[in-house]
Structures are given as C-alpha cells and as structure tokens.
Amino acid sequence: SRSTRWIAVFAVVGLIAAACGGDDDDGGDAGGNGGEQESYTIGVSNTLVGNQWREQMVCAIKAQARVSGVVDEVVLANRDTDATGQISDIEGLISQGVDAIIVNPHDRTALDDVIAAADEAGIIVISVDQVVTAPEAYNVANDQVAYGELGARWLFEHLGGEGDVAYM
C-alpha cells in the first residue's frame, strides 16, 4: 500500500550517520526477505558530485537501505548537472519503476512537473536538504539559520568565554 511504502521510504530518508560498507553501487540486498515481506526500489537524484555532504547523503541512504530489510535496490542518478539534467534523471527513475525517489533538488520550482509525473505514476517523492514547491512532494529540510545558531550557542557555552571562534 502507499502508506506502507511511505513508511519504508521515510525510514530510509532518516539519513543515518553510518559508514558505507561494500563496493556495490546499488545498495545491496535487504537481508533476505524470504518473499514474505514486500521490498522496494528507491531512486536517488543528486546533482552535485564531489561535495562531502552530498557524498555522505548518498552513503547514508545506501547504508540505511541495506539495513532496512525492506529496500532491495537503490538506483542512483548521481552526476554534476543542472535542473534540466535532473529532470531527465528523474524521468529515467520514473521509467525504471522505482517505488520512491529521494531528491536533493537543483532548483526548488523547476522540478514541479516531473514530481507531478512521478506522483501520477504512484511514486513517492521526498525532497531532502532543500524544499521544492511541488505539492506532491514531501519536504525534509532544516532551518539553516536555527541550525547555525544552536551550534554556535553550544560552542560558546562549552568554551566558557575562553578561546577564539572562526566564522565562515
């Protein structure tokens, strides 16, 4: 069902801070479902290769998929591209029949039509790190200003008024 698939995808999106084991590119198997439990294929659309955060994002998705027990494959569309290229990548994921797509969007509005097409095909789309305007997508992002403020507050408290802090 759509709700069961959504729960499975949300578990994968819970981007864990885990090491990526293994050399395979597809996320490995889900640990032998024995045919009793439904399994899912997750597509990932990433448009920035070489950025450490983005590489960790892909690594965490693969690691969580591997241990989830419900994801049998991660299909990765991972390349340096613009919004037009990302639209093409997402269309490719749709045509491959993935169950859900995790996207770190190049542009917040340019993906609206392709996200709507994914939704029409019964594919859940989750935007991570940056929000998209497509009403069909689930957005998982944080408030970067509040995130920075909380980190700075913690650092200042632990420094106890001593030491230097560099702001970048």
Foldseek 3Di string as FASTA:
>chain_A
DLVVLVVLVVQLQVQDQDAQDDDDDWLAAQPCPVPPAAAFEEEEQEADPPPVVVVSSSSSSSPSLNPSSRYGTYHYPYYHDAQVVSLVVLVVVVVVPGQEYEYAHNDQESCQVSCVVCVVSNYAYEHEQDHHPRPRHHYHHDDVVVVVVVVVVVVCVVCVPDDDDDDD
